[in-house]
Amino acid sequence: MFHFRLIFAAAAIASLSACLLDSDLERGLAGAAAGAVVADALGGNAVTGAIAGGAAGALCDEVTSICR
């Protein structure tokens, strides 16, 4: 149950903080940090999580209207 709470908290913080950041670089760094934390908490590879999270953070305003 602790892992679920940790993952939920990290996802909530990352999703809210990414929208407050101004540039693609800032959103990419926040996404990379969140991706690494979530991947590590799930027992996955933190580097792979950071790459996926960084890409998602950097591209979130081009793909969706969530970060606008």
PDB file of N, CA and C in Angstrom:
ATOM      1  N   MET A   1       0.821  -1.193   0.000  1.00  0.00           N
ATOM      2  CA  MET A   1       0.000   0.000   0.000  1.00  0.00           C
ATOM      3  C   MET A   1       0.867   1.260   0.000  1.00  0.00           C
ATOM      4  N   PHE A   2       2.045   1.167   0.620  1.00  0.00           N
ATOM      5  CA  PHE A   2       2.931   2.326   0.673  1.00  0.00           C
ATOM      6  C   PHE A   2       3.413   2.705  -0.721  1.00  0.00           C
ATOM      7  N   HIS A   3       3.715   1.712  -1.566  1.00  0.00           N
ATOM      8  CA  HIS A   3       4.187   2.000  -2.924  1.00  0.00           C
ATOM      9  C   HIS A   3       3.107   2.712  -3.732  1.00  0.00           C
ATOM     10  N   PHE A   4       1.863   2.299  -3.559  1.00  0.00           N
ATOM     11  CA  PHE A   4       0.770   2.944  -4.282  1.00  0.00           C
ATOM     12  C   PHE A   4       0.662   4.415  -3.889  1.00  0.00           C
ATOM     13  N   ARG A   5       0.759   4.706  -2.621  1.00  0.00           N
ATOM     14  CA  ARG A   5       0.676   6.100  -2.152  1.00  0.00           C
ATOM     15  C   ARG A   5       1.851   6.915  -2.663  1.00  0.00           C
ATOM     16  N   LEU A   6       3.034   6.335  -2.663  1.00  0.00           N
ATOM     17  CA  LEU A   6       4.220   7.029  -3.161  1.00  0.00           C
ATOM     18  C   LEU A   6       4.088   7.327  -4.651  1.00  0.00           C
ATOM     19  N   ILE A   7       3.635   6.352  -5.404  1.00  0.00           N
ATOM     20  CA  ILE A   7       3.463   6.539  -6.844  1.00  0.00           C
ATOM     21  C   ILE A   7       2.378   7.576  -7.126  1.00  0.00           C
ATOM     22  N   PHE A   8       1.272   7.490  -6.418  1.00  0.00           N
ATOM     23  CA  PHE A   8       0.191   8.454  -6.608  1.00  0.00           C
ATOM     24  C   PHE A   8       0.651   9.866  -6.267  1.00  0.00           C
ATOM     25  N   ALA A   9       1.370  10.023  -5.170  1.00  0.00           N
ATOM     26  CA  ALA A   9       1.858  11.345  -4.778  1.00  0.00           C
ATOM     27  C   ALA A   9       2.841  11.899  -5.804  1.00  0.00           C
ATOM     28  N   ALA A  10       3.759  11.074  -6.280  1.00  0.00           N
ATOM     29  CA  ALA A  10       4.724  11.527  -7.279  1.00  0.00           C
ATOM     30  C   ALA A  10       4.034  11.916  -8.572  1.00  0.00           C
ATOM     31  N   ALA A  11       3.060  11.138  -9.002  1.00  0.00           N
ATOM     32  CA  ALA A  11       2.334  11.455 -10.235  1.00  0.00           C
ATOM     33  C   ALA A  11       1.523  12.735 -10.088  1.00  0.00           C
ATOM     34  N   ALA A  12       0.891  12.916  -8.948  1.00  0.00           N
ATOM     35  CA  ALA A  12       0.098  14.125  -8.728  1.00  0.00           C
ATOM     36  C   ALA A  12       0.974  15.366  -8.688  1.00  0.00           C
ATOM     37  N   ILE A  13       2.085  15.292  -7.985  1.00  0.00           N
ATOM     38  CA  ILE A  13       2.997  16.432  -7.901  1.00  0.00           C
ATOM     39  C   ILE A  13       3.594  16.748  -9.267  1.00  0.00           C
ATOM     40  N   ALA A  14       3.993  15.730  -9.981  1.00  0.00           N
ATOM     41  CA  ALA A  14       4.592  15.946 -11.302  1.00  0.00           C
ATOM     42  C   ALA A  14       3.598  16.542 -12.280  1.00  0.00           C
ATOM     43  N   SER A  15       2.372  16.047 -12.265  1.00  0.00           N
ATOM     44  CA  SER A  15       1.392  16.557 -13.222  1.00  0.00           C
ATOM     45  C   SER A  15       1.016  18.001 -12.919  1.00  0.00           C
ATOM     46  N   LEU A  16       0.937  18.345 -11.663  1.00  0.00           N
ATOM     47  CA  LEU A  16       0.601  19.721 -11.318  1.00  0.00           C
ATOM     48  C   LEU A  16       1.784  20.659 -11.507  1.00  0.00           C
ATOM     49  N   SER A  17       2.973  20.231 -11.161  1.00  0.00           N
ATOM     50  CA  SER A  17       4.131  21.114 -11.275  1.00  0.00           C
ATOM     51  C   SER A  17       4.547  21.320 -12.718  1.00  0.00           C
ATOM     52  N   ALA A  18       4.336  20.350 -13.575  1.00  0.00           N
ATOM     53  CA  ALA A  18       4.735  20.491 -14.969  1.00  0.00           C
ATOM     54  C   ALA A  18       3.949  21.590 -15.657  1.00  0.00           C
ATOM     55  N   CYS A  19       2.728  21.813 -15.266  1.00  0.00           N
ATOM     56  CA  CYS A  19       1.917  22.849 -15.895  1.00  0.00           C
ATOM     57  C   CYS A  19       2.312  24.249 -15.447  1.00  0.00           C
ATOM     58  N   LEU A  20       3.005  24.365 -14.357  1.00  0.00           N
ATOM     59  CA  LEU A  20       3.428  25.668 -13.870  1.00  0.00           C
ATOM     60  C   LEU A  20       4.782  26.089 -14.430  1.00  0.00           C
ATOM     61  N   LEU A  21       5.447  25.199 -15.080  1.00  0.00           N
ATOM     62  CA  LEU A  21       6.764  25.496 -15.620  1.00  0.00           C
ATOM     63  C   LEU A  21       6.616  26.159 -16.984  1.00  0.00           C
ATOM     64  N   ASP A  22       7.576  27.028 -17.309  1.00  0.00           N
ATOM     65  CA  ASP A  22       7.435  27.860 -18.502  1.00  0.00           C
ATOM     66  C   ASP A  22       8.008  27.252 -19.772  1.00  0.00           C
ATOM     67  N   SER A  23       9.130  26.576 -19.672  1.00  0.00           N
ATOM     68  CA  SER A  23       9.791  26.126 -20.895  1.00  0.00           C
ATOM     69  C   SER A  23       9.739  24.602 -21.034  1.00  0.00           C
ATOM     70  N   ASP A  24      10.017  24.151 -22.259  1.00  0.00           N
ATOM     71  CA  ASP A  24      10.080  22.714 -22.503  1.00  0.00           C
ATOM     72  C   ASP A  24      11.185  22.063 -21.687  1.00  0.00           C
ATOM     73  N   LEU A  25      12.291  22.774 -21.506  1.00  0.00           N
ATOM     74  CA  LEU A  25      13.407  22.234 -20.720  1.00  0.00           C
ATOM     75  C   LEU A  25      12.998  22.005 -19.269  1.00  0.00           C
ATOM     76  N   GLU A  26      12.319  22.970 -18.673  1.00  0.00           N
ATOM     77  CA  GLU A  26      11.881  22.825 -17.282  1.00  0.00           C
ATOM     78  C   GLU A  26      10.884  21.677 -17.140  1.00  0.00           C
ATOM     79  N   ARG A  27       9.929  21.592 -18.076  1.00  0.00           N
ATOM     80  CA  ARG A  27       8.956  20.501 -18.023  1.00  0.00           C
ATOM     81  C   ARG A  27       9.628  19.152 -18.267  1.00  0.00           C
ATOM     82  N   GLY A  28      10.631  19.138 -19.140  1.00  0.00           N
ATOM     83  CA  GLY A  28      11.371  17.902 -19.398  1.00  0.00           C
ATOM     84  C   GLY A  28      12.140  17.431 -18.186  1.00  0.00           C
ATOM     85  N   LEU A  29      12.771  18.354 -17.477  1.00  0.00           N
ATOM     86  CA  LEU A  29      13.516  17.992 -16.264  1.00  0.00           C
ATOM     87  C   LEU A  29      12.573  17.497 -15.165  1.00  0.00           C
ATOM     88  N   ALA A  30      11.430  18.157 -15.013  1.00  0.00           N
ATOM     89  CA  ALA A  30      10.454  17.709 -14.013  1.00  0.00           C
ATOM     90  C   ALA A  30       9.908  16.332 -14.379  1.00  0.00           C
ATOM     91  N   GLY A  31       9.653  16.115 -15.656  1.00  0.00           N
ATOM     92  CA  GLY A  31       9.164  14.815 -16.103  1.00  0.00           C
ATOM     93  C   GLY A  31      10.204  13.724 -15.916  1.00  0.00           C
ATOM     94  N   ALA A  32      11.468  14.058 -16.168  1.00  0.00           N
ATOM     95  CA  ALA A  32      12.546  13.077 -15.986  1.00  0.00           C
ATOM     96  C   ALA A  32      12.673  12.681 -14.519  1.00  0.00           C
ATOM     97  N   ALA A  33      12.596  13.661 -13.633  1.00  0.00           N
ATOM     98  CA  ALA A  33      12.693  13.360 -12.202  1.00  0.00           C
ATOM     99  C   ALA A  33      11.520  12.499 -11.749  1.00  0.00           C
ATOM    100  N   ALA A  34      10.325  12.873 -12.171  1.00  0.00           N
ATOM    101  CA  ALA A  34       9.141  12.096 -11.780  1.00  0.00           C
ATOM    102  C   ALA A  34       9.187  10.696 -12.377  1.00  0.00           C
ATOM    103  N   GLY A  35       9.614  10.583 -13.621  1.00  0.00           N
ATOM    104  CA  GLY A  35       9.700   9.272 -14.264  1.00  0.00           C
ATOM    105  C   GLY A  35      10.685   8.358 -13.572  1.00  0.00           C
ATOM    106  N   ALA A  36      11.814   8.919 -13.146  1.00  0.00           N
ATOM    107  CA  ALA A  36      12.818   8.114 -12.443  1.00  0.00           C
ATOM    108  C   ALA A  36      12.289   7.635 -11.090  1.00  0.00           C
ATOM    109  N   VAL A  37      11.606   8.510 -10.370  1.00  0.00           N
ATOM    110  CA  VAL A  37      11.068   8.146  -9.051  1.00  0.00           C
ATOM    111  C   VAL A  37      10.004   7.064  -9.177  1.00  0.00           C
ATOM    112  N   VAL A  38       9.091   7.238 -10.131  1.00  0.00           N
ATOM    113  CA  VAL A  38       8.015   6.271 -10.301  1.00  0.00           C
ATOM    114  C   VAL A  38       8.561   4.923 -10.768  1.00  0.00           C
ATOM    115  N   ALA A  39       9.496   4.955 -11.727  1.00  0.00           N
ATOM    116  CA  ALA A  39      10.075   3.697 -12.216  1.00  0.00           C
ATOM    117  C   ALA A  39      10.813   2.965 -11.101  1.00  0.00           C
ATOM    118  N   ASP A  40      11.543   3.706 -10.289  1.00  0.00           N
ATOM    119  CA  ASP A  40      12.269   3.090  -9.184  1.00  0.00           C
ATOM    120  C   ASP A  40      11.309   2.511  -8.151  1.00  0.00           C
ATOM    121  N   ALA A  41      10.227   3.228  -7.876  1.00  0.00           N
ATOM    122  CA  ALA A  41       9.246   2.739  -6.902  1.00  0.00           C
ATOM    123  C   ALA A  41       8.545   1.479  -7.394  1.00  0.00           C
ATOM    124  N   LEU A  42       8.410   1.359  -8.701  1.00  0.00           N
ATOM    125  CA  LEU A  42       7.768   0.173  -9.267  1.00  0.00           C
ATOM    126  C   LEU A  42       8.738  -0.965  -9.513  1.00  0.00           C
ATOM    127  N   GLY A  43      10.013  -0.741  -9.228  1.00  0.00           N
ATOM    128  CA  GLY A  43      11.006  -1.773  -9.415  1.00  0.00           C
ATOM    129  C   GLY A  43      11.578  -1.818 -10.820  1.00  0.00           C
ATOM    130  N   GLY A  44      11.331  -0.782 -11.600  1.00  0.00           N
ATOM    131  CA  GLY A  44      11.841  -0.715 -12.961  1.00  0.00           C
ATOM    132  C   GLY A  44      13.172   0.012 -13.019  1.00  0.00           C
ATOM    133  N   ASN A  45      13.619   0.259 -14.223  1.00  0.00           N
ATOM    134  CA  ASN A  45      14.877   0.947 -14.450  1.00  0.00           C
ATOM    135  C   ASN A  45      14.643   2.452 -14.361  1.00  0.00           C
ATOM    136  N   ALA A  46      15.328   3.126 -13.447  1.00  0.00           N
ATOM    137  CA  ALA A  46      15.144   4.559 -13.236  1.00  0.00           C
ATOM    138  C   ALA A  46      15.590   5.370 -14.447  1.00  0.00           C
ATOM    139  N   VAL A  47      16.609   4.916 -15.153  1.00  0.00           N
ATOM    140  CA  VAL A  47      17.083   5.650 -16.337  1.00  0.00           C
ATOM    141  C   VAL A  47      16.023   5.613 -17.436  1.00  0.00           C
ATOM    142  N   THR A  48      15.434   4.465 -17.652  1.00  0.00           N
ATOM    143  CA  THR A  48      14.371   4.349 -18.646  1.00  0.00           C
ATOM    144  C   THR A  48      13.178   5.215 -18.252  1.00  0.00           C
ATOM    145  N   GLY A  49      12.834   5.223 -16.980  1.00  0.00           N
ATOM    146  CA  GLY A  49      11.753   6.077 -16.499  1.00  0.00           C
ATOM    147  C   GLY A  49      12.052   7.542 -16.681  1.00  0.00           C
ATOM    148  N   ALA A  50      13.305   7.926 -16.458  1.00  0.00           N
ATOM    149  CA  ALA A  50      13.704   9.323 -16.642  1.00  0.00           C
ATOM    150  C   ALA A  50      13.623   9.732 -18.107  1.00  0.00           C
ATOM    151  N   ILE A  51      14.027   8.849 -19.000  1.00  0.00           N
ATOM    152  CA  ILE A  51      13.954   9.156 -20.428  1.00  0.00           C
ATOM    153  C   ILE A  51      12.506   9.322 -20.871  1.00  0.00           C
ATOM    154  N   ALA A  52      11.665   8.389 -20.464  1.00  0.00           N
ATOM    155  CA  ALA A  52      10.245   8.459 -20.843  1.00  0.00           C
ATOM    156  C   ALA A  52       9.569   9.678 -20.213  1.00  0.00           C
ATOM    157  N   GLY A  53       9.842   9.936 -18.946  1.00  0.00           N
ATOM    158  CA  GLY A  53       9.246  11.086 -18.273  1.00  0.00           C
ATOM    159  C   GLY A  53       9.732  12.407 -18.835  1.00  0.00           C
ATOM    160  N   GLY A  54      11.009  12.474 -19.182  1.00  0.00           N
ATOM    161  CA  GLY A  54      11.553  13.693 -19.778  1.00  0.00           C
ATOM    162  C   GLY A  54      10.935  13.988 -21.130  1.00  0.00           C
ATOM    163  N   ALA A  55      10.774  12.951 -21.936  1.00  0.00           N
ATOM    164  CA  ALA A  55      10.146  13.140 -23.241  1.00  0.00           C
ATOM    165  C   ALA A  55       8.688  13.574 -23.086  1.00  0.00           C
ATOM    166  N   ALA A  56       7.982  12.950 -22.163  1.00  0.00           N
ATOM    167  CA  ALA A  56       6.581  13.310 -21.939  1.00  0.00           C
ATOM    168  C   ALA A  56       6.455  14.742 -21.422  1.00  0.00           C
ATOM    169  N   GLY A  57       7.333  15.133 -20.523  1.00  0.00           N
ATOM    170  CA  GLY A  57       7.287  16.498 -19.997  1.00  0.00           C
ATOM    171  C   GLY A  57       7.613  17.542 -21.042  1.00  0.00           C
ATOM    172  N   ALA A  58       8.606  17.266 -21.870  1.00  0.00           N
ATOM    173  CA  ALA A  58       9.009  18.236 -22.882  1.00  0.00           C
ATOM    174  C   ALA A  58       7.975  18.372 -23.995  1.00  0.00           C
ATOM    175  N   LEU A  59       7.255  17.308 -24.284  1.00  0.00           N
ATOM    176  CA  LEU A  59       6.311  17.332 -25.397  1.00  0.00           C
ATOM    177  C   LEU A  59       4.864  17.531 -24.976  1.00  0.00           C
ATOM    178  N   CYS A  60       4.602  17.705 -23.693  1.00  0.00           N
ATOM    179  CA  CYS A  60       3.201  17.731 -23.241  1.00  0.00           C
ATOM    180  C   CYS A  60       2.417  18.909 -23.797  1.00  0.00           C
ATOM    181  N   ASP A  61       3.035  20.053 -24.029  1.00  0.00           N
ATOM    182  CA  ASP A  61       2.255  21.173 -24.561  1.00  0.00           C
ATOM    183  C   ASP A  61       2.076  21.109 -26.070  1.00  0.00           C
ATOM    184  N   GLU A  62       2.906  20.352 -26.781  1.00  0.00           N
ATOM    185  CA  GLU A  62       2.722  20.198 -28.217  1.00  0.00           C
ATOM    186  C   GLU A  62       1.663  19.146 -28.543  1.00  0.00           C
ATOM    187  N   VAL A  63       1.588  18.120 -27.727  1.00  0.00           N
ATOM    188  CA  VAL A  63       0.689  16.997 -28.010  1.00  0.00           C
ATOM    189  C   VAL A  63      -0.692  17.228 -27.437  1.00  0.00           C
ATOM    190  N   THR A  64      -0.769  17.740 -26.224  1.00  0.00           N
ATOM    191  CA  THR A  64      -2.058  17.929 -25.568  1.00  0.00           C
ATOM    192  C   THR A  64      -2.210  19.389 -25.132  1.00  0.00           C
ATOM    193  N   SER A  65      -3.365  19.730 -24.694  1.00  0.00           N
ATOM    194  CA  SER A  65      -3.589  21.087 -24.180  1.00  0.00           C
ATOM    195  C   SER A  65      -3.490  21.137 -22.666  1.00  0.00           C
ATOM    196  N   ILE A  66      -2.968  20.088 -22.040  1.00  0.00           N
ATOM    197  CA  ILE A  66      -2.898  20.024 -20.585  1.00  0.00           C
ATOM    198  C   ILE A  66      -1.926  21.073 -20.033  1.00  0.00           C
ATOM    199  N   CYS A  67      -0.800  21.253 -20.677  1.00  0.00           N
ATOM    200  CA  CYS A  67       0.239  22.135 -20.132  1.00  0.00           C
ATOM    201  C   CYS A  67       0.202  23.538 -20.721  1.00  0.00           C
ATOM    202  N   ARG A  68      -0.874  23.935 -21.293  1.00  0.00           N
ATOM    203  CA  ARG A  68      -0.949  25.296 -21.864  1.00  0.00           C
ATOM    204  C   ARG A  68      -1.552  26.250 -20.903  1.00  0.00           C
TER     205      ARG A  68
END
